[in-house]
Amino acid sequence: MPLAMLIFMDESGDIGFKLKTASSRYFVLTIVIFDNLDAAEKANQAIKDLHTELKFPIEKEFKFSTGTSNKFKIAFLQKLARHTFRYRSIVIDKQKLSKIDPKNPEDSLYTLVTDQLFLRAQDRIQNASLFVDRTAQSKRFIQKFNTYLKRKLNTDMRKLIGEVRHKDSKSNNLLQLADMVCGAIYRKYNKKDDKFYKLIKRREEDLWKPY
Protein backbone atom coordinates (compact mmCIF):
# COMPACT_ATOMS: atom_id res chain seq x y z
CA MET A 1 0.00 0.00 0.00
CA PRO A 2 1.29 3.51 -0.78
CA LEU A 3 2.10 5.97 1.97
CA ALA A 4 0.00 9.01 2.90
CA MET A 5 -3.35 7.22 2.60
CA LEU A 6 -6.15 9.58 3.63
CA ILE A 7 -9.69 8.60 4.62
CA PHE A 8 -12.65 10.93 5.11
CA MET A 9 -15.72 9.59 6.91
CA ASP A 10 -19.29 10.82 7.24
CA GLU A 11 -22.75 9.45 7.99
CA SER A 12 -26.36 10.00 6.98
CA GLY A 13 -29.45 9.20 8.98
CA ASP A 14 -29.28 8.80 12.74
CA ILE A 15 -28.55 6.10 15.31
CA GLY A 16 -31.94 6.29 17.09
CA PHE A 17 -34.51 3.50 17.15
CA LYS A 18 -37.73 5.51 17.55
CA LEU A 19 -38.63 4.37 14.06
CA LYS A 20 -42.32 5.26 14.25
CA THR A 21 -41.71 8.84 15.32
CA ALA A 22 -38.38 10.67 15.13
CA SER A 23 -35.69 8.27 13.92
CA SER A 24 -34.62 7.46 10.38
CA ARG A 25 -35.09 3.93 9.08
CA TYR A 26 -31.60 3.82 7.58
CA PHE A 27 -28.19 4.66 8.94
CA VAL A 28 -25.41 4.96 6.35
CA LEU A 29 -21.69 5.30 7.08
CA THR A 30 -19.26 6.03 4.24
CA ILE A 31 -15.49 6.33 3.96
CA VAL A 32 -13.87 8.08 1.00
CA ILE A 33 -10.31 6.83 0.47
CA PHE A 34 -7.41 8.55 -1.26
CA ASP A 35 -4.39 6.34 -1.77
CA ASN A 36 -1.99 9.25 -1.97
CA LEU A 37 -1.73 12.93 -1.14
CA ASP A 38 -1.54 14.05 -4.78
CA ALA A 39 -4.99 12.59 -5.59
CA ALA A 40 -6.45 14.22 -2.48
CA GLU A 41 -5.00 17.61 -3.37
CA LYS A 42 -6.43 17.45 -6.90
CA ALA A 43 -9.90 16.60 -5.57
CA ASN A 44 -9.62 19.38 -3.01
CA GLN A 45 -8.75 21.87 -5.76
CA ALA A 46 -11.68 20.65 -7.87
CA ILE A 47 -14.06 21.52 -5.04
CA LYS A 48 -12.49 24.96 -4.71
CA ASP A 49 -12.95 25.45 -8.46
CA LEU A 50 -16.61 24.46 -8.17
CA HIS A 51 -17.26 27.38 -5.85
CA THR A 52 -16.12 29.70 -8.62
CA GLU A 53 -17.83 27.83 -11.46
CA LEU A 54 -21.18 27.65 -9.66
CA LYS A 55 -20.83 31.05 -7.98
CA PHE A 56 -21.37 29.20 -4.70
CA PRO A 57 -20.10 31.33 -1.77
CA ILE A 58 -16.75 30.06 -0.51
CA GLU A 59 -17.93 30.35 3.11
CA LYS A 60 -20.75 27.86 2.44
CA GLU A 61 -20.15 24.13 2.43
CA PHE A 62 -21.43 21.57 -0.02
CA LYS A 63 -23.84 19.50 2.05
CA PHE A 64 -26.21 16.92 0.64
CA SER A 65 -29.02 17.26 3.18
CA THR A 66 -29.25 21.06 3.39
CA GLY A 67 -28.09 24.19 1.59
CA THR A 68 -27.13 22.60 -1.73
CA SER A 69 -29.58 22.56 -4.64
CA ASN A 70 -30.11 19.44 -6.75
CA LYS A 71 -28.43 21.24 -9.65
CA PHE A 72 -25.32 21.85 -7.56
CA LYS A 73 -25.35 18.29 -6.19
CA ILE A 74 -25.29 16.93 -9.73
CA ALA A 75 -22.49 19.29 -10.78
CA PHE A 76 -20.48 18.37 -7.68
CA LEU A 77 -20.82 14.61 -8.07
CA GLN A 78 -20.19 14.67 -11.81
CA LYS A 79 -16.99 16.68 -11.40
CA LEU A 80 -15.62 14.74 -8.44
CA ALA A 81 -16.40 11.34 -9.97
CA ARG A 82 -13.63 12.09 -12.49
CA HIS A 83 -11.05 12.14 -9.70
CA THR A 84 -9.11 9.22 -8.29
CA PHE A 85 -10.61 7.98 -5.04
CA ARG A 86 -12.66 5.02 -3.88
CA TYR A 87 -15.42 4.73 -1.36
CA ARG A 88 -16.79 2.03 0.87
CA SER A 89 -20.17 2.25 2.57
CA ILE A 90 -22.35 0.30 4.97
CA VAL A 91 -26.14 0.66 4.99
CA ILE A 92 -28.03 -0.37 8.13
CA ASP A 93 -31.77 -0.95 7.90
CA LYS A 94 -32.67 -0.34 11.53
CA GLN A 95 -36.16 -1.72 11.00
CA LYS A 96 -34.66 -5.12 10.17
CA LEU A 97 -31.94 -4.82 12.80
CA SER A 98 -34.48 -4.14 15.54
CA LYS A 99 -36.21 -7.44 14.73
CA ILE A 100 -32.94 -9.38 14.81
CA ASP A 101 -31.51 -7.60 17.87
CA PRO A 102 -34.32 -6.14 20.01
CA LYS A 103 -31.79 -4.60 22.42
CA ASN A 104 -31.28 -1.80 19.87
CA PRO A 105 -27.69 -0.78 20.73
CA GLU A 106 -28.22 2.92 20.07
CA ASP A 107 -25.31 4.15 22.20
CA SER A 108 -22.79 1.94 20.44
CA LEU A 109 -24.26 1.69 16.93
CA TYR A 110 -22.01 4.37 15.42
CA THR A 111 -18.84 2.85 16.85
CA LEU A 112 -19.78 -0.73 16.02
CA VAL A 113 -20.72 0.12 12.45
CA THR A 114 -17.44 2.02 12.00
CA ASP A 115 -15.55 -0.96 13.37
CA GLN A 116 -17.23 -3.36 10.95
CA LEU A 117 -16.77 -1.05 7.97
CA PHE A 118 -13.01 -0.84 8.55
CA LEU A 119 -12.56 -4.52 9.36
CA ARG A 120 -14.30 -5.39 6.10
CA ALA A 121 -11.76 -3.17 4.31
CA GLN A 122 -8.71 -4.37 6.22
CA ASP A 123 -6.94 -5.73 3.14
CA ARG A 124 -7.41 -2.39 1.35
CA ILE A 125 -6.27 0.03 4.07
CA GLN A 126 -2.93 0.55 5.76
CA ASN A 127 -1.72 3.19 8.22
CA ALA A 128 -4.26 5.74 7.02
CA SER A 129 -4.98 9.16 8.47
CA LEU A 130 -8.69 9.25 9.27
CA PHE A 131 -10.66 12.50 9.16
CA VAL A 132 -14.10 12.58 10.83
CA ASP A 133 -16.65 15.39 10.94
CA ARG A 134 -16.72 16.62 14.54
CA THR A 135 -19.79 18.87 14.22
CA ALA A 136 -22.11 16.87 16.50
CA GLN A 137 -19.50 15.14 18.66
CA SER A 138 -18.71 15.73 22.30
CA LYS A 139 -15.13 15.70 23.59
CA ARG A 140 -15.90 12.57 25.61
CA PHE A 141 -17.23 10.75 22.55
CA ILE A 142 -14.19 11.72 20.47
CA GLN A 143 -11.78 10.35 23.07
CA LYS A 144 -13.77 7.12 23.48
CA PHE A 145 -14.15 6.68 19.72
CA ASN A 146 -10.44 7.20 19.00
CA THR A 147 -9.35 4.77 21.69
CA TYR A 148 -11.83 2.08 20.65
CA LEU A 149 -11.03 2.33 16.96
CA LYS A 150 -7.25 2.17 17.35
CA ARG A 151 -7.48 -0.69 19.83
CA LYS A 152 -9.73 -2.76 17.56
CA LEU A 153 -8.09 -2.01 14.23
CA ASN A 154 -4.38 -1.89 15.07
CA THR A 155 -2.25 -4.83 16.16
CA ASP A 156 1.48 -5.66 16.20
CA MET A 157 1.03 -7.31 12.80
CA ARG A 158 -1.33 -4.81 11.16
CA LYS A 159 -1.99 -1.10 11.47
CA LEU A 160 -5.06 0.15 9.62
CA ILE A 161 -5.37 3.58 11.24
CA GLY A 162 -2.59 5.99 12.10
CA GLU A 163 -3.93 9.27 13.41
CA VAL A 164 -7.59 10.22 13.79
CA ARG A 165 -8.48 13.86 13.25
CA HIS A 166 -11.89 15.34 14.04
CA LYS A 167 -12.47 18.38 11.83
CA ASP A 168 -15.29 20.78 11.06
CA SER A 169 -16.57 19.93 7.59
CA LYS A 170 -17.10 23.63 6.84
CA SER A 171 -13.34 24.04 6.59
CA ASN A 172 -12.54 20.67 5.02
CA ASN A 173 -13.53 20.13 1.39
CA LEU A 174 -12.86 16.39 1.41
CA LEU A 175 -15.15 15.84 4.38
CA GLN A 176 -17.75 17.61 2.24
CA LEU A 177 -17.02 15.06 -0.50
CA ALA A 178 -17.66 12.25 2.00
CA ASP A 179 -20.92 13.96 2.98
CA MET A 180 -22.06 14.23 -0.64
CA VAL A 181 -21.21 10.62 -1.47
CA CYS A 182 -22.86 9.35 1.72
CA GLY A 183 -25.92 11.53 1.09
CA ALA A 184 -26.31 10.14 -2.44
CA ILE A 185 -26.25 6.58 -1.08
CA TYR A 186 -28.70 7.46 1.72
CA ARG A 187 -31.06 9.03 -0.83
CA LYS A 188 -30.99 5.80 -2.85
CA TYR A 189 -32.41 3.85 0.11
CA ASN A 190 -34.37 6.42 2.06
CA LYS A 191 -36.17 7.99 -0.92
CA LYS A 192 -35.76 5.17 -3.48
CA ASP A 193 -34.05 7.75 -5.68
CA ASP A 194 -30.75 6.67 -7.22
CA LYS A 195 -30.08 9.50 -9.70
CA PHE A 196 -27.34 10.99 -7.50
CA TYR A 197 -25.92 7.59 -6.59
CA LYS A 198 -25.51 6.69 -10.27
CA LEU A 199 -23.23 9.71 -10.74
CA ILE A 200 -20.73 8.49 -8.16
CA LYS A 201 -21.08 4.70 -8.44
CA ARG A 202 -17.99 4.35 -10.65
CA ARG A 203 -15.91 5.12 -7.55
CA GLU A 204 -17.56 2.42 -5.46
CA GLU A 205 -15.34 -0.27 -3.97
CA ASP A 206 -17.86 -1.77 -1.59
CA LEU A 207 -21.51 -1.14 -0.67
CA TRP A 208 -22.49 -3.49 2.15
CA LYS A 209 -26.02 -3.91 3.46
CA PRO A 210 -25.85 -6.51 6.26
CA TYR A 211 -29.46 -5.88 7.40
C-alpha atoms as a PDB file:
ATOM      1  CA  MET A   1       0.000   0.000   0.000  1.00  0.00           C
ATOM      2  CA  PRO A   2       1.293   3.513  -0.781  1.00  0.00           C
ATOM      3  CA  LEU A   3       2.104   5.966   1.965  1.00  0.00           C
ATOM      4  CA  ALA A   4      -0.003   9.007   2.898  1.00  0.00           C
ATOM      5  CA  MET A   5      -3.350   7.223   2.595  1.00  0.00           C
ATOM      6  CA  LEU A   6      -6.152   9.584   3.626  1.00  0.00           C
ATOM      7  CA  ILE A   7      -9.689   8.597   4.624  1.00  0.00           C
ATOM      8  CA  PHE A   8     -12.653  10.933   5.109  1.00  0.00           C
ATOM      9  CA  MET A   9     -15.717   9.593   6.910  1.00  0.00           C
ATOM     10  CA  ASP A  10     -19.292  10.817   7.245  1.00  0.00           C
ATOM     11  CA  GLU A  11     -22.748   9.447   7.993  1.00  0.00           C
ATOM     12  CA  SER A  12     -26.359  10.004   6.978  1.00  0.00           C
ATOM     13  CA  GLY A  13     -29.449   9.196   8.979  1.00  0.00           C
ATOM     14  CA  ASP A  14     -29.283   8.796  12.745  1.00  0.00           C
ATOM     15  CA  ILE A  15     -28.551   6.096  15.314  1.00  0.00           C
ATOM     16  CA  GLY A  16     -31.937   6.289  17.092  1.00  0.00           C
ATOM     17  CA  PHE A  17     -34.507   3.502  17.154  1.00  0.00           C
ATOM     18  CA  LYS A  18     -37.728   5.513  17.548  1.00  0.00           C
ATOM     19  CA  LEU A  19     -38.634   4.371  14.064  1.00  0.00           C
ATOM     20  CA  LYS A  20     -42.324   5.262  14.251  1.00  0.00           C
ATOM     21  CA  THR A  21     -41.713   8.838  15.324  1.00  0.00           C
ATOM     22  CA  ALA A  22     -38.380  10.669  15.130  1.00  0.00           C
ATOM     23  CA  SER A  23     -35.693   8.265  13.917  1.00  0.00           C
ATOM     24  CA  SER A  24     -34.620   7.462  10.381  1.00  0.00           C
ATOM     25  CA  ARG A  25     -35.095   3.927   9.082  1.00  0.00           C
ATOM     26  CA  TYR A  26     -31.605   3.825   7.581  1.00  0.00           C
ATOM     27  CA  PHE A  27     -28.190   4.664   8.942  1.00  0.00           C
ATOM     28  CA  VAL A  28     -25.406   4.963   6.355  1.00  0.00           C
ATOM     29  CA  LEU A  29     -21.693   5.299   7.075  1.00  0.00           C
ATOM     30  CA  THR A  30     -19.259   6.028   4.244  1.00  0.00           C
ATOM     31  CA  ILE A  31     -15.495   6.330   3.956  1.00  0.00           C
ATOM     32  CA  VAL A  32     -13.865   8.078   1.000  1.00  0.00           C
ATOM     33  CA  ILE A  33     -10.311   6.829   0.469  1.00  0.00           C
ATOM     34  CA  PHE A  34      -7.409   8.554  -1.263  1.00  0.00           C
ATOM     35  CA  ASP A  35      -4.393   6.335  -1.772  1.00  0.00           C
ATOM     36  CA  ASN A  36      -1.994   9.254  -1.969  1.00  0.00           C
ATOM     37  CA  LEU A  37      -1.726  12.930  -1.143  1.00  0.00           C
ATOM     38  CA  ASP A  38      -1.545  14.047  -4.781  1.00  0.00           C
ATOM     39  CA  ALA A  39      -4.990  12.592  -5.588  1.00  0.00           C
ATOM     40  CA  ALA A  40      -6.451  14.217  -2.476  1.00  0.00           C
ATOM     41  CA  GLU A  41      -5.004  17.613  -3.366  1.00  0.00           C
ATOM     42  CA  LYS A  42      -6.435  17.447  -6.898  1.00  0.00           C
ATOM     43  CA  ALA A  43      -9.901  16.604  -5.570  1.00  0.00           C
ATOM     44  CA  ASN A  44      -9.616  19.385  -3.011  1.00  0.00           C
ATOM     45  CA  GLN A  45      -8.750  21.871  -5.762  1.00  0.00           C
ATOM     46  CA  ALA A  46     -11.675  20.651  -7.870  1.00  0.00           C
ATOM     47  CA  ILE A  47     -14.062  21.519  -5.040  1.00  0.00           C
ATOM     48  CA  LYS A  48     -12.488  24.963  -4.714  1.00  0.00           C
ATOM     49  CA  ASP A  49     -12.955  25.446  -8.457  1.00  0.00           C
ATOM     50  CA  LEU A  50     -16.611  24.456  -8.174  1.00  0.00           C
ATOM     51  CA  HIS A  51     -17.264  27.381  -5.849  1.00  0.00           C
ATOM     52  CA  THR A  52     -16.116  29.701  -8.616  1.00  0.00           C
ATOM     53  CA  GLU A  53     -17.830  27.831 -11.462  1.00  0.00           C
ATOM     54  CA  LEU A  54     -21.176  27.654  -9.662  1.00  0.00           C
ATOM     55  CA  LYS A  55     -20.834  31.053  -7.975  1.00  0.00           C
ATOM     56  CA  PHE A  56     -21.369  29.203  -4.698  1.00  0.00           C
ATOM     57  CA  PRO A  57     -20.103  31.330  -1.767  1.00  0.00           C
ATOM     58  CA  ILE A  58     -16.755  30.062  -0.511  1.00  0.00           C
ATOM     59  CA  GLU A  59     -17.927  30.348   3.112  1.00  0.00           C
ATOM     60  CA  LYS A  60     -20.752  27.859   2.438  1.00  0.00           C
ATOM     61  CA  GLU A  61     -20.149  24.127   2.430  1.00  0.00           C
ATOM     62  CA  PHE A  62     -21.429  21.574  -0.024  1.00  0.00           C
ATOM     63  CA  LYS A  63     -23.838  19.501   2.051  1.00  0.00           C
ATOM     64  CA  PHE A  64     -26.211  16.918   0.641  1.00  0.00           C
ATOM     65  CA  SER A  65     -29.024  17.260   3.177  1.00  0.00           C
ATOM     66  CA  THR A  66     -29.246  21.064   3.394  1.00  0.00           C
ATOM     67  CA  GLY A  67     -28.092  24.189   1.594  1.00  0.00           C
ATOM     68  CA  THR A  68     -27.129  22.605  -1.731  1.00  0.00           C
ATOM     69  CA  SER A  69     -29.582  22.556  -4.638  1.00  0.00           C
ATOM     70  CA  ASN A  70     -30.107  19.439  -6.748  1.00  0.00           C
ATOM     71  CA  LYS A  71     -28.429  21.235  -9.653  1.00  0.00           C
ATOM     72  CA  PHE A  72     -25.318  21.847  -7.559  1.00  0.00           C
ATOM     73  CA  LYS A  73     -25.351  18.285  -6.194  1.00  0.00           C
ATOM     74  CA  ILE A  74     -25.295  16.928  -9.732  1.00  0.00           C
ATOM     75  CA  ALA A  75     -22.493  19.292 -10.778  1.00  0.00           C
ATOM     76  CA  PHE A  76     -20.476  18.374  -7.679  1.00  0.00           C
ATOM     77  CA  LEU A  77     -20.824  14.611  -8.068  1.00  0.00           C
ATOM     78  CA  GLN A  78     -20.189  14.668 -11.809  1.00  0.00           C
ATOM     79  CA  LYS A  79     -16.993  16.679 -11.398  1.00  0.00           C
ATOM     80  CA  LEU A  80     -15.623  14.742  -8.441  1.00  0.00           C
ATOM     81  CA  ALA A  81     -16.401  11.338  -9.972  1.00  0.00           C
ATOM     82  CA  ARG A  82     -13.626  12.090 -12.488  1.00  0.00           C
ATOM     83  CA  HIS A  83     -11.054  12.139  -9.696  1.00  0.00           C
ATOM     84  CA  THR A  84      -9.110   9.217  -8.287  1.00  0.00           C
ATOM     85  CA  PHE A  85     -10.614   7.979  -5.044  1.00  0.00           C
ATOM     86  CA  ARG A  86     -12.664   5.019  -3.884  1.00  0.00           C
ATOM     87  CA  TYR A  87     -15.423   4.728  -1.359  1.00  0.00           C
ATOM     88  CA  ARG A  88     -16.795   2.032   0.872  1.00  0.00           C
ATOM     89  CA  SER A  89     -20.167   2.252   2.572  1.00  0.00           C
ATOM     90  CA  ILE A  90     -22.351   0.302   4.971  1.00  0.00           C
ATOM     91  CA  VAL A  91     -26.143   0.660   4.987  1.00  0.00           C
ATOM     92  CA  ILE A  92     -28.028  -0.366   8.129  1.00  0.00           C
ATOM     93  CA  ASP A  93     -31.770  -0.948   7.898  1.00  0.00           C
ATOM     94  CA  LYS A  94     -32.671  -0.343  11.533  1.00  0.00           C
ATOM     95  CA  GLN A  95     -36.160  -1.723  11.000  1.00  0.00           C
ATOM     96  CA  LYS A  96     -34.660  -5.119  10.165  1.00  0.00           C
ATOM     97  CA  LEU A  97     -31.935  -4.819  12.797  1.00  0.00           C
ATOM     98  CA  SER A  98     -34.477  -4.141  15.542  1.00  0.00           C
ATOM     99  CA  LYS A  99     -36.213  -7.438  14.730  1.00  0.00           C
ATOM    100  CA  ILE A 100     -32.943  -9.376  14.812  1.00  0.00           C
ATOM    101  CA  ASP A 101     -31.513  -7.605  17.871  1.00  0.00           C
ATOM    102  CA  PRO A 102     -34.324  -6.138  20.008  1.00  0.00           C
ATOM    103  CA  LYS A 103     -31.794  -4.598  22.418  1.00  0.00           C
ATOM    104  CA  ASN A 104     -31.284  -1.803  19.867  1.00  0.00           C
ATOM    105  CA  PRO A 105     -27.690  -0.781  20.732  1.00  0.00           C
ATOM    106  CA  GLU A 106     -28.218   2.920  20.072  1.00  0.00           C
ATOM    107  CA  ASP A 107     -25.310   4.154  22.201  1.00  0.00           C
ATOM    108  CA  SER A 108     -22.785   1.938  20.436  1.00  0.00           C
ATOM    109  CA  LEU A 109     -24.260   1.686  16.934  1.00  0.00           C
ATOM    110  CA  TYR A 110     -22.012   4.375  15.418  1.00  0.00           C
ATOM    111  CA  THR A 111     -18.835   2.847  16.854  1.00  0.00           C
ATOM    112  CA  LEU A 112     -19.781  -0.734  16.020  1.00  0.00           C
ATOM    113  CA  VAL A 113     -20.718   0.122  12.447  1.00  0.00           C
ATOM    114  CA  THR A 114     -17.441   2.022  12.003  1.00  0.00           C
ATOM    115  CA  ASP A 115     -15.545  -0.956  13.370  1.00  0.00           C
ATOM    116  CA  GLN A 116     -17.235  -3.360  10.953  1.00  0.00           C
ATOM    117  CA  LEU A 117     -16.765  -1.046   7.970  1.00  0.00           C
ATOM    118  CA  PHE A 118     -13.012  -0.843   8.553  1.00  0.00           C
ATOM    119  CA  LEU A 119     -12.560  -4.521   9.356  1.00  0.00           C
ATOM    120  CA  ARG A 120     -14.299  -5.393   6.097  1.00  0.00           C
ATOM    121  CA  ALA A 121     -11.761  -3.166   4.308  1.00  0.00           C
ATOM    122  CA  GLN A 122      -8.710  -4.373   6.224  1.00  0.00           C
ATOM    123  CA  ASP A 123      -6.937  -5.725   3.135  1.00  0.00           C
ATOM    124  CA  ARG A 124      -7.411  -2.391   1.352  1.00  0.00           C
ATOM    125  CA  ILE A 125      -6.266   0.027   4.073  1.00  0.00           C
ATOM    126  CA  GLN A 126      -2.930   0.551   5.763  1.00  0.00           C
ATOM    127  CA  ASN A 127      -1.718   3.193   8.220  1.00  0.00           C
ATOM    128  CA  ALA A 128      -4.261   5.736   7.023  1.00  0.00           C
ATOM    129  CA  SER A 129      -4.976   9.155   8.466  1.00  0.00           C
ATOM    130  CA  LEU A 130      -8.686   9.248   9.271  1.00  0.00           C
ATOM    131  CA  PHE A 131     -10.663  12.500   9.160  1.00  0.00           C
ATOM    132  CA  VAL A 132     -14.096  12.577  10.828  1.00  0.00           C
ATOM    133  CA  ASP A 133     -16.652  15.394  10.944  1.00  0.00           C
ATOM    134  CA  ARG A 134     -16.721  16.623  14.538  1.00  0.00           C
ATOM    135  CA  THR A 135     -19.795  18.873  14.221  1.00  0.00           C
ATOM    136  CA  ALA A 136     -22.107  16.866  16.504  1.00  0.00           C
ATOM    137  CA  GLN A 137     -19.504  15.142  18.661  1.00  0.00           C
ATOM    138  CA  SER A 138     -18.710  15.733  22.303  1.00  0.00           C
ATOM    139  CA  LYS A 139     -15.127  15.703  23.585  1.00  0.00           C
ATOM    140  CA  ARG A 140     -15.903  12.569  25.614  1.00  0.00           C
ATOM    141  CA  PHE A 141     -17.235  10.752  22.547  1.00  0.00           C
ATOM    142  CA  ILE A 142     -14.189  11.720  20.473  1.00  0.00           C
ATOM    143  CA  GLN A 143     -11.781  10.346  23.067  1.00  0.00           C
ATOM    144  CA  LYS A 144     -13.769   7.125  23.481  1.00  0.00           C
ATOM    145  CA  PHE A 145     -14.155   6.682  19.720  1.00  0.00           C
ATOM    146  CA  ASN A 146     -10.443   7.200  18.999  1.00  0.00           C
ATOM    147  CA  THR A 147      -9.354   4.771  21.693  1.00  0.00           C
ATOM    148  CA  TYR A 148     -11.827   2.078  20.648  1.00  0.00           C
ATOM    149  CA  LEU A 149     -11.025   2.331  16.956  1.00  0.00           C
ATOM    150  CA  LYS A 150      -7.251   2.166  17.348  1.00  0.00           C
ATOM    151  CA  ARG A 151      -7.477  -0.694  19.830  1.00  0.00           C
ATOM    152  CA  LYS A 152      -9.735  -2.756  17.565  1.00  0.00           C
ATOM    153  CA  LEU A 153      -8.090  -2.013  14.228  1.00  0.00           C
ATOM    154  CA  ASN A 154      -4.385  -1.887  15.069  1.00  0.00           C
ATOM    155  CA  THR A 155      -2.254  -4.826  16.161  1.00  0.00           C
ATOM    156  CA  ASP A 156       1.476  -5.656  16.204  1.00  0.00           C
ATOM    157  CA  MET A 157       1.027  -7.306  12.802  1.00  0.00           C
ATOM    158  CA  ARG A 158      -1.327  -4.807  11.162  1.00  0.00           C
ATOM    159  CA  LYS A 159      -1.993  -1.102  11.466  1.00  0.00           C
ATOM    160  CA  LEU A 160      -5.061   0.152   9.621  1.00  0.00           C
ATOM    161  CA  ILE A 161      -5.371   3.579  11.240  1.00  0.00           C
ATOM    162  CA  GLY A 162      -2.593   5.995  12.099  1.00  0.00           C
ATOM    163  CA  GLU A 163      -3.931   9.268  13.405  1.00  0.00           C
ATOM    164  CA  VAL A 164      -7.585  10.221  13.791  1.00  0.00           C
ATOM    165  CA  ARG A 165      -8.484  13.864  13.252  1.00  0.00           C
ATOM    166  CA  HIS A 166     -11.891  15.339  14.043  1.00  0.00           C
ATOM    167  CA  LYS A 167     -12.466  18.381  11.828  1.00  0.00           C
ATOM    168  CA  ASP A 168     -15.289  20.785  11.062  1.00  0.00           C
ATOM    169  CA  SER A 169     -16.571  19.926   7.590  1.00  0.00           C
ATOM    170  CA  LYS A 170     -17.103  23.634   6.838  1.00  0.00           C
ATOM    171  CA  SER A 171     -13.342  24.041   6.588  1.00  0.00           C
ATOM    172  CA  ASN A 172     -12.540  20.667   5.023  1.00  0.00           C
ATOM    173  CA  ASN A 173     -13.531  20.127   1.390  1.00  0.00           C
ATOM    174  CA  LEU A 174     -12.861  16.394   1.414  1.00  0.00           C
ATOM    175  CA  LEU A 175     -15.151  15.845   4.378  1.00  0.00           C
ATOM    176  CA  GLN A 176     -17.746  17.609   2.237  1.00  0.00           C
ATOM    177  CA  LEU A 177     -17.017  15.060  -0.499  1.00  0.00           C
ATOM    178  CA  ALA A 178     -17.660  12.251   1.999  1.00  0.00           C
ATOM    179  CA  ASP A 179     -20.925  13.960   2.980  1.00  0.00           C
ATOM    180  CA  MET A 180     -22.056  14.234  -0.638  1.00  0.00           C
ATOM    181  CA  VAL A 181     -21.214  10.618  -1.468  1.00  0.00           C
ATOM    182  CA  CYS A 182     -22.864   9.349   1.715  1.00  0.00           C
ATOM    183  CA  GLY A 183     -25.923  11.528   1.085  1.00  0.00           C
ATOM    184  CA  ALA A 184     -26.309  10.138  -2.436  1.00  0.00           C
ATOM    185  CA  ILE A 185     -26.254   6.584  -1.076  1.00  0.00           C
ATOM    186  CA  TYR A 186     -28.701   7.461   1.717  1.00  0.00           C
ATOM    187  CA  ARG A 187     -31.065   9.033  -0.825  1.00  0.00           C
ATOM    188  CA  LYS A 188     -30.995   5.796  -2.845  1.00  0.00           C
ATOM    189  CA  TYR A 189     -32.408   3.846   0.108  1.00  0.00           C
ATOM    190  CA  ASN A 190     -34.372   6.424   2.059  1.00  0.00           C
ATOM    191  CA  LYS A 191     -36.167   7.986  -0.921  1.00  0.00           C
ATOM    192  CA  LYS A 192     -35.757   5.175  -3.478  1.00  0.00           C
ATOM    193  CA  ASP A 193     -34.047   7.750  -5.679  1.00  0.00           C
ATOM    194  CA  ASP A 194     -30.747   6.673  -7.217  1.00  0.00           C
ATOM    195  CA  LYS A 195     -30.080   9.504  -9.696  1.00  0.00           C
ATOM    196  CA  PHE A 196     -27.345  10.989  -7.500  1.00  0.00           C
ATOM    197  CA  TYR A 197     -25.917   7.589  -6.590  1.00  0.00           C
ATOM    198  CA  LYS A 198     -25.510   6.692 -10.270  1.00  0.00           C
ATOM    199  CA  LEU A 199     -23.231   9.709 -10.742  1.00  0.00           C
ATOM    200  CA  ILE A 200     -20.730   8.486  -8.164  1.00  0.00           C
ATOM    201  CA  LYS A 201     -21.083   4.695  -8.444  1.00  0.00           C
ATOM    202  CA  ARG A 202     -17.994   4.349 -10.654  1.00  0.00           C
ATOM    203  CA  ARG A 203     -15.908   5.124  -7.551  1.00  0.00           C
ATOM    204  CA  GLU A 204     -17.560   2.415  -5.461  1.00  0.00           C
ATOM    205  CA  GLU A 205     -15.343  -0.273  -3.965  1.00  0.00           C
ATOM    206  CA  ASP A 206     -17.864  -1.770  -1.593  1.00  0.00           C
ATOM    207  CA  LEU A 207     -21.508  -1.142  -0.675  1.00  0.00           C
ATOM    208  CA  TRP A 208     -22.492  -3.487   2.146  1.00  0.00           C
ATOM    209  CA  LYS A 209     -26.021  -3.914   3.463  1.00  0.00           C
ATOM    210  CA  PRO A 210     -25.850  -6.506   6.264  1.00  0.00           C
ATOM    211  CA  TYR A 211     -29.456  -5.875   7.397  1.00  0.00           C
END
